[in-house]
Amino acid sequence: MGLKIPLIPEQASSISIEVDQMLYVLLAASVLFAALIFGAICYFAIRYRRRSELDIPEPVKSGWALQIIWIVIPLGLTMAMFGWSASIFLNHSQPPRDATQIFVVAKQWMWKSQHMEGVREIDELHIPVGSSVKLTMTSEDVIHSFSVPAFRTKQDIVPGRYTNLWFTATKPGKYRLFCTEYCGANHSGMNGWVYAMEPKDYALWLAGGPKGSLVAEGAKLFQDLACIKCHRDDGGGRCPALRGLFGQTILLTGGATVEADEAYIRESILDPAAKVVDGYQPLMPTFRDRVSEEEVVELVAYIKSLVRKPQGDAAGQKP
């Protein structure tokens, strides 16, 4: 059980207790050393004050031992604190592979989230308790920051790229969501609620939403934009085949390589000339003014779903 302190948000995620423990230790160390330093200053100011014009103290010469002590001890304490905080950061830097993925698009002044099952929300986010949740986030305009104090999580959201955040809610409830990066005149109004639900309640909530998943909507958009004409499965199109693309290392014109993650796919849709695959010409037009961020999310979800066909399957079929 975590320590409950008034004015401190409740602990509602798997990382919150670790973060709070580290915070309390850092605060205690800061208060302790501040008290020792100010106490020493007051004591020496009184004890060794100059009582007359003739009171001239003798110079004090300290040995190397004392200087080594007051260097080594603070260094050891700070390195211990650094190692502790770094271990917490590294242990939570990569989400589990089976994490529930939700896309979040920030915009002045609202939060728009899209579940893989097709459900969309504005200024609300429903998540299952006890399961890891990975948020893939981007911004339509300026820098925002996604923060849920009860989960002890905060992540900046930068326009033009994807940033990731993950957490595991540990108790059902309704928790405040804030933007903690000044984003304009109505920054204080950019907030919302996170609803942590029991898995069965979350499943029922998802079932009551739209029937079309992100992958299905992305497939429809892929066809509507005529992407299939150039990105053929058999590799005979004017642009690279996309089946099995996600997660692969791509060789680019000029010899550089890049991992085909969500950010690379997004950039290839909006700025296709930025990273051209080796062996192909920069023929693809930009779709920057033709698709919204929500539609980019749908296309990314669809392309991620295009896994490689088993050996022996017929080639050339539409994905």
C-alpha atoms as a PDB file:
ATOM      1  CA  MET A   1       0.000   0.000   0.000  1.00  0.00           C
ATOM      2  CA  GLY A   2       1.214   3.486  -0.809  1.00  0.00           C
ATOM      3  CA  LEU A   3       1.535   6.316   1.690  1.00  0.00           C
ATOM      4  CA  LYS A   4      -1.470   8.670   1.488  1.00  0.00           C
ATOM      5  CA  ILE A   5      -0.595  12.317   1.995  1.00  0.00           C
ATOM      6  CA  PRO A   6      -3.126  15.181   1.781  1.00  0.00           C
ATOM      7  CA  LEU A   7      -2.935  17.256  -1.448  1.00  0.00           C
ATOM      8  CA  ILE A   8      -1.049  14.433  -3.220  1.00  0.00           C
ATOM      9  CA  PRO A   9      -3.024  12.679  -6.026  1.00  0.00           C
ATOM     10  CA  GLU A  10      -4.002   9.114  -5.294  1.00  0.00           C
ATOM     11  CA  GLN A  11      -1.779   6.325  -6.559  1.00  0.00           C
ATOM     12  CA  ALA A  12      -3.644   4.604  -9.401  1.00  0.00           C
ATOM     13  CA  SER A  13      -0.949   3.067 -11.622  1.00  0.00           C
ATOM     14  CA  SER A  14       1.784   0.466 -11.356  1.00  0.00           C
ATOM     15  CA  ILE A  15       4.532   3.103 -11.351  1.00  0.00           C
ATOM     16  CA  SER A  16       2.950   5.608  -8.963  1.00  0.00           C
ATOM     17  CA  ILE A  17       4.243   4.018  -5.740  1.00  0.00           C
ATOM     18  CA  GLU A  18       7.825   3.844  -7.058  1.00  0.00           C
ATOM     19  CA  VAL A  19       7.713   7.463  -8.215  1.00  0.00           C
ATOM     20  CA  ASP A  20       6.293   8.664  -4.897  1.00  0.00           C
ATOM     21  CA  GLN A  21       8.857   6.715  -2.873  1.00  0.00           C
ATOM     22  CA  MET A  22      11.666   8.312  -4.849  1.00  0.00           C
ATOM     23  CA  LEU A  23      10.058  11.751  -4.441  1.00  0.00           C
ATOM     24  CA  TYR A  24       9.766  11.365  -0.660  1.00  0.00           C
ATOM     25  CA  VAL A  25      13.385  10.226  -0.338  1.00  0.00           C
ATOM     26  CA  LEU A  26      14.601  13.174  -2.432  1.00  0.00           C
ATOM     27  CA  LEU A  27      12.492  15.592  -0.392  1.00  0.00           C
ATOM     28  CA  ALA A  28      13.731  14.106   2.880  1.00  0.00           C
ATOM     29  CA  ALA A  29      17.369  14.303   1.757  1.00  0.00           C
ATOM     30  CA  SER A  30      16.883  17.901   0.578  1.00  0.00           C
ATOM     31  CA  VAL A  31      15.259  18.956   3.878  1.00  0.00           C
ATOM     32  CA  LEU A  32      17.904  17.137   5.938  1.00  0.00           C
ATOM     33  CA  PHE A  33      20.878  18.692   4.176  1.00  0.00           C
ATOM     34  CA  ALA A  34      19.247  22.126   4.008  1.00  0.00           C
ATOM     35  CA  ALA A  35      18.675  21.984   7.782  1.00  0.00           C
ATOM     36  CA  LEU A  36      22.257  20.839   8.416  1.00  0.00           C
ATOM     37  CA  ILE A  37      23.748  23.545   6.209  1.00  0.00           C
ATOM     38  CA  PHE A  38      21.647  26.388   7.597  1.00  0.00           C
ATOM     39  CA  GLY A  39      22.152  25.099  11.137  1.00  0.00           C
ATOM     40  CA  ALA A  40      25.928  25.071  10.618  1.00  0.00           C
ATOM     41  CA  ILE A  41      25.816  28.581   9.138  1.00  0.00           C
ATOM     42  CA  CYS A  42      23.904  29.919  12.153  1.00  0.00           C
ATOM     43  CA  TYR A  43      26.144  28.080  14.645  1.00  0.00           C
ATOM     44  CA  PHE A  44      29.417  29.250  13.093  1.00  0.00           C
ATOM     45  CA  ALA A  45      28.109  32.795  12.629  1.00  0.00           C
ATOM     46  CA  ILE A  46      27.429  33.011  16.355  1.00  0.00           C
ATOM     47  CA  ARG A  47      30.233  30.834  17.722  1.00  0.00           C
ATOM     48  CA  TYR A  48      33.015  32.411  15.696  1.00  0.00           C
ATOM     49  CA  ARG A  49      31.725  35.956  15.386  1.00  0.00           C
ATOM     50  CA  ARG A  50      34.308  38.712  15.653  1.00  0.00           C
ATOM     51  CA  ARG A  51      34.086  40.244  19.122  1.00  0.00           C
ATOM     52  CA  SER A  52      36.585  43.099  18.733  1.00  0.00           C
ATOM     53  CA  GLU A  53      38.877  44.761  16.205  1.00  0.00           C
ATOM     54  CA  LEU A  54      41.823  42.881  17.705  1.00  0.00           C
ATOM     55  CA  ASP A  55      40.144  39.503  17.448  1.00  0.00           C
ATOM     56  CA  ILE A  56      41.924  38.012  14.422  1.00  0.00           C
ATOM     57  CA  PRO A  57      41.589  34.220  14.156  1.00  0.00           C
ATOM     58  CA  GLU A  58      44.442  31.962  13.252  1.00  0.00           C
ATOM     59  CA  PRO A  59      44.329  30.446   9.731  1.00  0.00           C
ATOM     60  CA  VAL A  60      42.921  26.926   9.712  1.00  0.00           C
ATOM     61  CA  LYS A  61      44.641  24.299   7.603  1.00  0.00           C
ATOM     62  CA  SER A  62      42.642  21.145   6.896  1.00  0.00           C
ATOM     63  CA  GLY A  63      44.113  17.940   5.574  1.00  0.00           C
ATOM     64  CA  TRP A  64      43.207  15.990   2.476  1.00  0.00           C
ATOM     65  CA  ALA A  65      41.058  13.544   4.470  1.00  0.00           C
ATOM     66  CA  LEU A  66      38.376  16.122   5.301  1.00  0.00           C
ATOM     67  CA  GLN A  67      38.198  17.403   1.722  1.00  0.00           C
ATOM     68  CA  ILE A  68      37.939  13.877   0.327  1.00  0.00           C
ATOM     69  CA  ILE A  69      35.120  13.088   2.770  1.00  0.00           C
ATOM     70  CA  TRP A  70      32.972  16.064   1.807  1.00  0.00           C
ATOM     71  CA  ILE A  71      33.480  15.260  -1.887  1.00  0.00           C
ATOM     72  CA  VAL A  72      33.000  11.495  -1.775  1.00  0.00           C
ATOM     73  CA  ILE A  73      29.914  11.408   0.477  1.00  0.00           C
ATOM     74  CA  PRO A  74      27.780  13.884  -1.565  1.00  0.00           C
ATOM     75  CA  LEU A  75      28.981  12.243  -4.788  1.00  0.00           C
ATOM     76  CA  GLY A  76      27.977   8.806  -3.516  1.00  0.00           C
ATOM     77  CA  LEU A  77      24.548  10.042  -2.410  1.00  0.00           C
ATOM     78  CA  THR A  78      23.814  11.809  -5.711  1.00  0.00           C
ATOM     79  CA  MET A  79      24.967   8.807  -7.762  1.00  0.00           C
ATOM     80  CA  ALA A  80      22.750   6.500  -5.675  1.00  0.00           C
ATOM     81  CA  MET A  81      19.761   8.765  -6.316  1.00  0.00           C
ATOM     82  CA  PHE A  82      20.627   8.957 -10.004  1.00  0.00           C
ATOM     83  CA  GLY A  83      20.930   5.178 -10.263  1.00  0.00           C
ATOM     84  CA  TRP A  84      17.575   4.684  -8.524  1.00  0.00           C
ATOM     85  CA  SER A  85      15.735   7.181 -10.735  1.00  0.00           C
ATOM     86  CA  ALA A  86      17.436   5.874 -13.889  1.00  0.00           C
ATOM     87  CA  SER A  87      16.381   2.302 -13.083  1.00  0.00           C
ATOM     88  CA  ILE A  88      12.750   3.407 -12.700  1.00  0.00           C
ATOM     89  CA  PHE A  89      12.942   5.269 -16.010  1.00  0.00           C
ATOM     90  CA  LEU A  90      14.557   2.397 -17.903  1.00  0.00           C
ATOM     91  CA  ASN A  91      12.165  -0.194 -16.475  1.00  0.00           C
ATOM     92  CA  HIS A  92       9.235   1.831 -17.814  1.00  0.00           C
ATOM     93  CA  SER A  93      10.748   3.197 -21.031  1.00  0.00           C
ATOM     94  CA  GLN A  94       9.472   0.397 -23.278  1.00  0.00           C
ATOM     95  CA  PRO A  95       5.844  -0.764 -23.219  1.00  0.00           C
ATOM     96  CA  PRO A  96       5.046  -4.492 -23.153  1.00  0.00           C
ATOM     97  CA  ARG A  97       4.414  -6.077 -26.545  1.00  0.00           C
ATOM     98  CA  ASP A  98       0.841  -6.972 -25.602  1.00  0.00           C
ATOM     99  CA  ALA A  99      -0.098  -3.435 -24.513  1.00  0.00           C
ATOM    100  CA  THR A 100      -3.472  -2.091 -25.619  1.00  0.00           C
ATOM    101  CA  GLN A 101      -2.740   0.562 -28.253  1.00  0.00           C
ATOM    102  CA  ILE A 102      -4.669   3.827 -28.398  1.00  0.00           C
ATOM    103  CA  PHE A 103      -3.903   6.793 -30.651  1.00  0.00           C
ATOM    104  CA  VAL A 104      -4.193  10.309 -29.219  1.00  0.00           C
ATOM    105  CA  VAL A 105      -4.309  13.509 -31.285  1.00  0.00           C
ATOM    106  CA  ALA A 106      -3.940  16.794 -29.373  1.00  0.00           C
ATOM    107  CA  LYS A 107      -5.430  19.992 -30.767  1.00  0.00           C
ATOM    108  CA  GLN A 108      -6.111  23.430 -29.359  1.00  0.00           C
ATOM    109  CA  TRP A 109      -7.872  22.812 -27.046  1.00  0.00           C
ATOM    110  CA  MET A 110      -9.032  19.211 -26.899  1.00  0.00           C
ATOM    111  CA  TRP A 111      -7.888  15.608 -26.665  1.00  0.00           C
ATOM    112  CA  LYS A 112      -9.024  13.252 -29.434  1.00  0.00           C
ATOM    113  CA  SER A 113      -8.418   9.531 -28.906  1.00  0.00           C
ATOM    114  CA  GLN A 114      -8.981   6.587 -31.244  1.00  0.00           C
ATOM    115  CA  HIS A 115      -9.175   2.966 -30.121  1.00  0.00           C
ATOM    116  CA  MET A 116      -8.102   0.186 -32.439  1.00  0.00           C
ATOM    117  CA  GLU A 117     -11.667  -1.141 -32.337  1.00  0.00           C
ATOM    118  CA  GLY A 118     -12.888   2.109 -33.931  1.00  0.00           C
ATOM    119  CA  VAL A 119     -14.242   3.969 -30.889  1.00  0.00           C
ATOM    120  CA  ARG A 120     -13.398   7.686 -30.824  1.00  0.00           C
ATOM    121  CA  GLU A 121     -13.485  10.007 -27.840  1.00  0.00           C
ATOM    122  CA  ILE A 122     -13.028  13.720 -27.171  1.00  0.00           C
ATOM    123  CA  ASP A 123     -11.612  14.854 -23.809  1.00  0.00           C
ATOM    124  CA  GLU A 124     -12.197  11.355 -22.433  1.00  0.00           C
ATOM    125  CA  LEU A 125     -10.168   8.169 -22.414  1.00  0.00           C
ATOM    126  CA  HIS A 126     -11.493   4.778 -21.370  1.00  0.00           C
ATOM    127  CA  ILE A 127      -8.924   2.133 -20.447  1.00  0.00           C
ATOM    128  CA  PRO A 128      -8.950  -1.338 -18.844  1.00  0.00           C
ATOM    129  CA  VAL A 129      -7.625  -1.858 -15.320  1.00  0.00           C
ATOM    130  CA  GLY A 130      -4.731  -4.273 -14.939  1.00  0.00           C
ATOM    131  CA  SER A 131      -3.671  -4.132 -18.601  1.00  0.00           C
ATOM    132  CA  SER A 132      -0.804  -2.124 -20.054  1.00  0.00           C
ATOM    133  CA  VAL A 133      -1.954   0.729 -22.283  1.00  0.00           C
ATOM    134  CA  LYS A 134       0.302   2.328 -24.900  1.00  0.00           C
ATOM    135  CA  LEU A 135      -0.595   5.778 -26.192  1.00  0.00           C
ATOM    136  CA  THR A 136       0.799   6.852 -29.567  1.00  0.00           C
ATOM    137  CA  MET A 137       0.383  10.614 -29.648  1.00  0.00           C
ATOM    138  CA  THR A 138       0.795  13.552 -32.011  1.00  0.00           C
ATOM    139  CA  SER A 139      -0.360  17.171 -32.254  1.00  0.00           C
ATOM    140  CA  GLU A 140      -2.203  19.021 -34.999  1.00  0.00           C
ATOM    141  CA  ASP A 141      -0.864  22.458 -34.081  1.00  0.00           C
ATOM    142  CA  VAL A 142       1.503  23.270 -31.169  1.00  0.00           C
ATOM    143  CA  ILE A 143       3.328  21.413 -28.406  1.00  0.00           C
ATOM    144  CA  HIS A 144       1.043  19.896 -25.782  1.00  0.00           C
ATOM    145  CA  SER A 145       1.763  17.603 -22.847  1.00  0.00           C
ATOM    146  CA  PHE A 146      -0.362  14.638 -21.761  1.00  0.00           C
ATOM    147  CA  SER A 147      -0.440  14.303 -17.978  1.00  0.00           C
ATOM    148  CA  VAL A 148      -2.478  12.107 -15.615  1.00  0.00           C
ATOM    149  CA  PRO A 149      -1.301  12.971 -12.072  1.00  0.00           C
ATOM    150  CA  ALA A 150      -2.895   9.873 -10.506  1.00  0.00           C
ATOM    151  CA  PHE A 151      -0.794   7.699 -12.852  1.00  0.00           C
ATOM    152  CA  ARG A 152       2.381   9.796 -12.315  1.00  0.00           C
ATOM    153  CA  THR A 153       2.765  10.032 -16.092  1.00  0.00           C
ATOM    154  CA  LYS A 154       3.568  12.986 -18.330  1.00  0.00           C
ATOM    155  CA  GLN A 155       4.713  13.125 -21.950  1.00  0.00           C
ATOM    156  CA  ASP A 156       5.148  16.036 -24.356  1.00  0.00           C
ATOM    157  CA  ILE A 157       3.270  15.824 -27.650  1.00  0.00           C
ATOM    158  CA  VAL A 158       5.119  17.418 -30.558  1.00  0.00           C
ATOM    159  CA  PRO A 159       3.569  18.352 -33.920  1.00  0.00           C
ATOM    160  CA  GLY A 160       4.989  16.459 -36.869  1.00  0.00           C
ATOM    161  CA  ARG A 161       6.044  13.347 -34.964  1.00  0.00           C
ATOM    162  CA  TYR A 162       4.761  10.554 -32.735  1.00  0.00           C
ATOM    163  CA  THR A 163       5.609  10.238 -29.057  1.00  0.00           C
ATOM    164  CA  ASN A 164       4.707   7.258 -26.885  1.00  0.00           C
ATOM    165  CA  LEU A 165       3.520   6.874 -23.318  1.00  0.00           C
ATOM    166  CA  TRP A 166       2.417   3.754 -21.470  1.00  0.00           C
ATOM    167  CA  PHE A 167       0.992   2.922 -18.089  1.00  0.00           C
ATOM    168  CA  THR A 168      -1.014   0.287 -16.230  1.00  0.00           C
ATOM    169  CA  ALA A 169      -3.986   1.425 -14.176  1.00  0.00           C
ATOM    170  CA  THR A 170      -4.333  -0.502 -10.910  1.00  0.00           C
ATOM    171  CA  LYS A 171      -7.738   0.600  -9.643  1.00  0.00           C
ATOM    172  CA  PRO A 172     -11.028   1.543 -11.288  1.00  0.00           C
ATOM    173  CA  GLY A 173     -11.941   5.201 -11.125  1.00  0.00           C
ATOM    174  CA  LYS A 174     -12.231   8.570 -12.837  1.00  0.00           C
ATOM    175  CA  TYR A 175      -8.971  10.505 -13.055  1.00  0.00           C
ATOM    176  CA  ARG A 176      -8.137  14.005 -14.264  1.00  0.00           C
ATOM    177  CA  LEU A 177      -6.275  14.534 -17.533  1.00  0.00           C
ATOM    178  CA  PHE A 178      -4.366  17.781 -18.062  1.00  0.00           C
ATOM    179  CA  CYS A 179      -2.270  19.526 -20.681  1.00  0.00           C
ATOM    180  CA  THR A 180       0.853  20.624 -18.800  1.00  0.00           C
ATOM    181  CA  GLU A 181       2.558  22.549 -21.622  1.00  0.00           C
ATOM    182  CA  TYR A 182       1.309  26.089 -22.262  1.00  0.00           C
ATOM    183  CA  CYS A 183      -0.454  25.844 -25.618  1.00  0.00           C
ATOM    184  CA  GLY A 184      -2.353  29.100 -26.043  1.00  0.00           C
ATOM    185  CA  ALA A 185      -5.080  31.293 -24.614  1.00  0.00           C
ATOM    186  CA  ASN A 186      -7.339  28.419 -23.509  1.00  0.00           C
ATOM    187  CA  HIS A 187      -4.571  26.186 -22.179  1.00  0.00           C
ATOM    188  CA  SER A 188      -6.201  25.947 -18.745  1.00  0.00           C
ATOM    189  CA  GLY A 189      -9.348  24.554 -20.350  1.00  0.00           C
ATOM    190  CA  MET A 190      -7.544  21.710 -22.134  1.00  0.00           C
ATOM    191  CA  ASN A 191      -8.335  18.926 -19.731  1.00  0.00           C
ATOM    192  CA  GLY A 192     -10.452  15.809 -19.581  1.00  0.00           C
ATOM    193  CA  TRP A 193     -11.053  12.539 -17.770  1.00  0.00           C
ATOM    194  CA  VAL A 194      -9.520   9.073 -17.853  1.00  0.00           C
ATOM    195  CA  TYR A 195     -11.935   6.270 -16.959  1.00  0.00           C
ATOM    196  CA  ALA A 196     -10.213   3.138 -15.669  1.00  0.00           C
ATOM    197  CA  MET A 197     -12.669   0.251 -15.982  1.00  0.00           C
ATOM    198  CA  GLU A 198     -12.751  -3.400 -15.035  1.00  0.00           C
ATOM    199  CA  PRO A 199     -11.839  -5.533 -18.087  1.00  0.00           C
ATOM    200  CA  LYS A 200     -15.375  -6.885 -18.554  1.00  0.00           C
ATOM    201  CA  ASP A 201     -16.888  -3.393 -18.294  1.00  0.00           C
ATOM    202  CA  TYR A 202     -14.308  -2.075 -20.741  1.00  0.00           C
ATOM    203  CA  ALA A 203     -15.142  -4.864 -23.209  1.00  0.00           C
ATOM    204  CA  LEU A 204     -18.849  -4.007 -22.961  1.00  0.00           C
ATOM    205  CA  TRP A 205     -18.071  -0.326 -23.479  1.00  0.00           C
ATOM    206  CA  LEU A 206     -16.035  -1.101 -26.606  1.00  0.00           C
ATOM    207  CA  ALA A 207     -18.780  -3.349 -27.953  1.00  0.00           C
ATOM    208  CA  GLY A 208     -21.225  -0.456 -27.810  1.00  0.00           C
ATOM    209  CA  GLY A 209     -19.128   1.690 -30.136  1.00  0.00           C
ATOM    210  CA  PRO A 210     -18.760   1.773 -33.927  1.00  0.00           C
ATOM    211  CA  LYS A 211     -18.305  -1.556 -35.655  1.00  0.00           C
ATOM    212  CA  GLY A 212     -15.567  -0.416 -38.032  1.00  0.00           C
ATOM    213  CA  SER A 213     -12.068  -0.807 -36.600  1.00  0.00           C
ATOM    214  CA  LEU A 214      -9.157   1.509 -37.337  1.00  0.00           C
ATOM    215  CA  VAL A 215      -7.694  -1.143 -39.618  1.00  0.00           C
ATOM    216  CA  ALA A 216     -10.958  -1.448 -41.568  1.00  0.00           C
ATOM    217  CA  GLU A 217     -11.279   2.330 -41.912  1.00  0.00           C
ATOM    218  CA  GLY A 218      -7.635   2.539 -42.984  1.00  0.00           C
ATOM    219  CA  ALA A 219      -8.159  -0.164 -45.620  1.00  0.00           C
ATOM    220  CA  LYS A 220     -11.128   1.742 -47.045  1.00  0.00           C
ATOM    221  CA  LEU A 221      -9.144   4.985 -47.105  1.00  0.00           C
ATOM    222  CA  PHE A 222      -6.204   3.158 -48.730  1.00  0.00           C
ATOM    223  CA  GLN A 223      -8.521   2.128 -51.556  1.00  0.00           C
ATOM    224  CA  ASP A 224     -10.233   5.540 -51.830  1.00  0.00           C
ATOM    225  CA  LEU A 225      -6.885   7.306 -52.218  1.00  0.00           C
ATOM    226  CA  ALA A 226      -5.842   4.797 -54.908  1.00  0.00           C
ATOM    227  CA  CYS A 227      -2.727   3.857 -52.949  1.00  0.00           C
ATOM    228  CA  ILE A 228      -3.142   0.251 -54.103  1.00  0.00           C
ATOM    229  CA  LYS A 229      -2.242   1.227 -57.664  1.00  0.00           C
ATOM    230  CA  CYS A 230       1.362   2.044 -56.751  1.00  0.00           C
ATOM    231  CA  HIS A 231       1.924  -0.045 -53.602  1.00  0.00           C
ATOM    232  CA  ARG A 232       1.317  -3.469 -55.107  1.00  0.00           C
ATOM    233  CA  ASP A 233       1.802  -6.647 -53.108  1.00  0.00           C
ATOM    234  CA  ASP A 234       3.908  -8.276 -55.815  1.00  0.00           C
ATOM    235  CA  GLY A 235       6.466  -5.451 -55.734  1.00  0.00           C
ATOM    236  CA  GLY A 236       5.731  -4.528 -59.336  1.00  0.00           C
ATOM    237  CA  GLY A 237       4.319  -1.088 -58.558  1.00  0.00           C
ATOM    238  CA  ARG A 238       6.007   2.271 -58.820  1.00  0.00           C
ATOM    239  CA  CYS A 239       6.290   2.407 -55.025  1.00  0.00           C
ATOM    240  CA  PRO A 240       7.485  -0.186 -52.465  1.00  0.00           C
ATOM    241  CA  ALA A 241       5.195  -3.009 -51.346  1.00  0.00           C
ATOM    242  CA  LEU A 242       3.807  -2.413 -47.863  1.00  0.00           C
ATOM    243  CA  ARG A 243       3.015  -5.933 -46.703  1.00  0.00           C
ATOM    244  CA  GLY A 244       5.365  -6.848 -43.861  1.00  0.00           C
ATOM    245  CA  LEU A 245       6.834  -3.329 -43.853  1.00  0.00           C
ATOM    246  CA  PHE A 246       6.227  -2.415 -40.213  1.00  0.00           C
ATOM    247  CA  GLY A 247       9.183  -3.113 -37.946  1.00  0.00           C
ATOM    248  CA  GLN A 248      11.609  -3.743 -40.797  1.00  0.00           C
ATOM    249  CA  THR A 249      14.883  -1.902 -41.443  1.00  0.00           C
ATOM    250  CA  ILE A 250      14.549   0.043 -44.694  1.00  0.00           C
ATOM    251  CA  LEU A 251      17.483   0.922 -46.960  1.00  0.00           C
ATOM    252  CA  LEU A 252      17.127   4.462 -48.299  1.00  0.00           C
ATOM    253  CA  THR A 253      18.562   6.237 -51.289  1.00  0.00           C
ATOM    254  CA  GLY A 254      22.097   7.276 -50.371  1.00  0.00           C
ATOM    255  CA  GLY A 255      22.777   4.243 -48.186  1.00  0.00           C
ATOM    256  CA  ALA A 256      21.144   5.323 -44.927  1.00  0.00           C
ATOM    257  CA  THR A 257      18.697   3.034 -43.108  1.00  0.00           C
ATOM    258  CA  VAL A 258      15.593   3.680 -41.031  1.00  0.00           C
ATOM    259  CA  GLU A 259      13.240   1.538 -38.974  1.00  0.00           C
ATOM    260  CA  ALA A 260       9.716   1.382 -40.367  1.00  0.00           C
ATOM    261  CA  ASP A 261       7.840   2.446 -37.235  1.00  0.00           C
ATOM    262  CA  GLU A 262       4.716   4.603 -36.842  1.00  0.00           C
ATOM    263  CA  ALA A 263       6.704   7.828 -37.228  1.00  0.00           C
ATOM    264  CA  TYR A 264       8.329   6.670 -40.479  1.00  0.00           C
ATOM    265  CA  ILE A 265       4.992   5.617 -41.976  1.00  0.00           C
ATOM    266  CA  ARG A 266       3.405   8.929 -40.987  1.00  0.00           C
ATOM    267  CA  GLU A 267       6.270  10.907 -42.497  1.00  0.00           C
ATOM    268  CA  SER A 268       6.090   8.862 -45.691  1.00  0.00           C
ATOM    269  CA  ILE A 269       2.406   9.767 -46.054  1.00  0.00           C
ATOM    270  CA  LEU A 270       2.793  13.486 -45.396  1.00  0.00           C
ATOM    271  CA  ASP A 271       6.314  14.089 -46.731  1.00  0.00           C
ATOM    272  CA  PRO A 272       7.172  11.144 -49.019  1.00  0.00           C
ATOM    273  CA  ALA A 273      10.271  12.804 -50.483  1.00  0.00           C
ATOM    274  CA  ALA A 274      11.962  13.035 -47.067  1.00  0.00           C
ATOM    275  CA  LYS A 275      13.085   9.381 -47.023  1.00  0.00           C
ATOM    276  CA  VAL A 276      13.007   7.605 -50.404  1.00  0.00           C
ATOM    277  CA  VAL A 277      13.467   3.839 -50.456  1.00  0.00           C
ATOM    278  CA  ASP A 278      16.524   2.644 -52.351  1.00  0.00           C
ATOM    279  CA  GLY A 279      15.687   1.619 -55.916  1.00  0.00           C
ATOM    280  CA  TYR A 280      12.616   3.846 -56.219  1.00  0.00           C
ATOM    281  CA  GLN A 281      12.029   7.353 -57.520  1.00  0.00           C
ATOM    282  CA  PRO A 282      10.375  10.121 -55.431  1.00  0.00           C
ATOM    283  CA  LEU A 283       7.111   9.859 -57.372  1.00  0.00           C
ATOM    284  CA  MET A 284       4.617   9.709 -54.509  1.00  0.00           C
ATOM    285  CA  PRO A 285       2.665  12.958 -53.968  1.00  0.00           C
ATOM    286  CA  THR A 286       2.179  14.377 -50.495  1.00  0.00           C
ATOM    287  CA  PHE A 287      -1.143  13.774 -48.778  1.00  0.00           C
ATOM    288  CA  ARG A 288      -0.610  16.552 -46.229  1.00  0.00           C
ATOM    289  CA  ASP A 289      -3.659  18.539 -47.342  1.00  0.00           C
ATOM    290  CA  ARG A 290      -5.771  15.520 -48.245  1.00  0.00           C
ATOM    291  CA  VAL A 291      -5.920  13.574 -44.987  1.00  0.00           C
ATOM    292  CA  SER A 292      -6.444  14.603 -41.380  1.00  0.00           C
ATOM    293  CA  GLU A 293      -4.368  13.374 -38.448  1.00  0.00           C
ATOM    294  CA  GLU A 294      -7.166  10.933 -37.578  1.00  0.00           C
ATOM    295  CA  GLU A 295      -7.054   9.528 -41.115  1.00  0.00           C
ATOM    296  CA  VAL A 296      -3.257   9.252 -40.932  1.00  0.00           C
ATOM    297  CA  VAL A 297      -3.744   7.181 -37.785  1.00  0.00           C
ATOM    298  CA  GLU A 298      -6.140   4.904 -39.693  1.00  0.00           C
ATOM    299  CA  LEU A 299      -3.659   4.455 -42.544  1.00  0.00           C
ATOM    300  CA  VAL A 300      -0.832   3.712 -40.097  1.00  0.00           C
ATOM    301  CA  ALA A 301      -2.986   1.121 -38.318  1.00  0.00           C
ATOM    302  CA  TYR A 302      -3.843  -0.533 -41.636  1.00  0.00           C
ATOM    303  CA  ILE A 303      -0.238  -0.644 -42.874  1.00  0.00           C
ATOM    304  CA  LYS A 304       0.868  -2.116 -39.526  1.00  0.00           C
ATOM    305  CA  SER A 305      -1.715  -4.875 -39.988  1.00  0.00           C
ATOM    306  CA  LEU A 306      -0.241  -5.997 -43.346  1.00  0.00           C
ATOM    307  CA  VAL A 307       1.804  -8.975 -42.211  1.00  0.00           C
ATOM    308  CA  ARG A 308       3.866 -11.040 -44.616  1.00  0.00           C
ATOM    309  CA  LYS A 309       2.112 -13.911 -46.320  1.00  0.00           C
ATOM    310  CA  PRO A 310       3.299 -17.445 -45.543  1.00  0.00           C
ATOM    311  CA  GLN A 311       5.527 -19.051 -48.161  1.00  0.00           C
ATOM    312  CA  GLY A 312       3.506 -20.647 -50.936  1.00  0.00           C
ATOM    313  CA  ASP A 313       0.593 -18.184 -50.845  1.00  0.00           C
ATOM    314  CA  ALA A 314      -0.376 -16.594 -54.122  1.00  0.00           C
ATOM    315  CA  ALA A 315       1.252 -13.254 -54.769  1.00  0.00           C
ATOM    316  CA  GLY A 316      -0.223 -10.230 -56.355  1.00  0.00           C
ATOM    317  CA  GLN A 317      -3.472 -10.211 -54.367  1.00  0.00           C
ATOM    318  CA  LYS A 318      -4.709  -6.969 -52.970  1.00  0.00           C
ATOM    319  CA  PRO A 319      -3.809  -6.470 -49.274  1.00  0.00           C
END
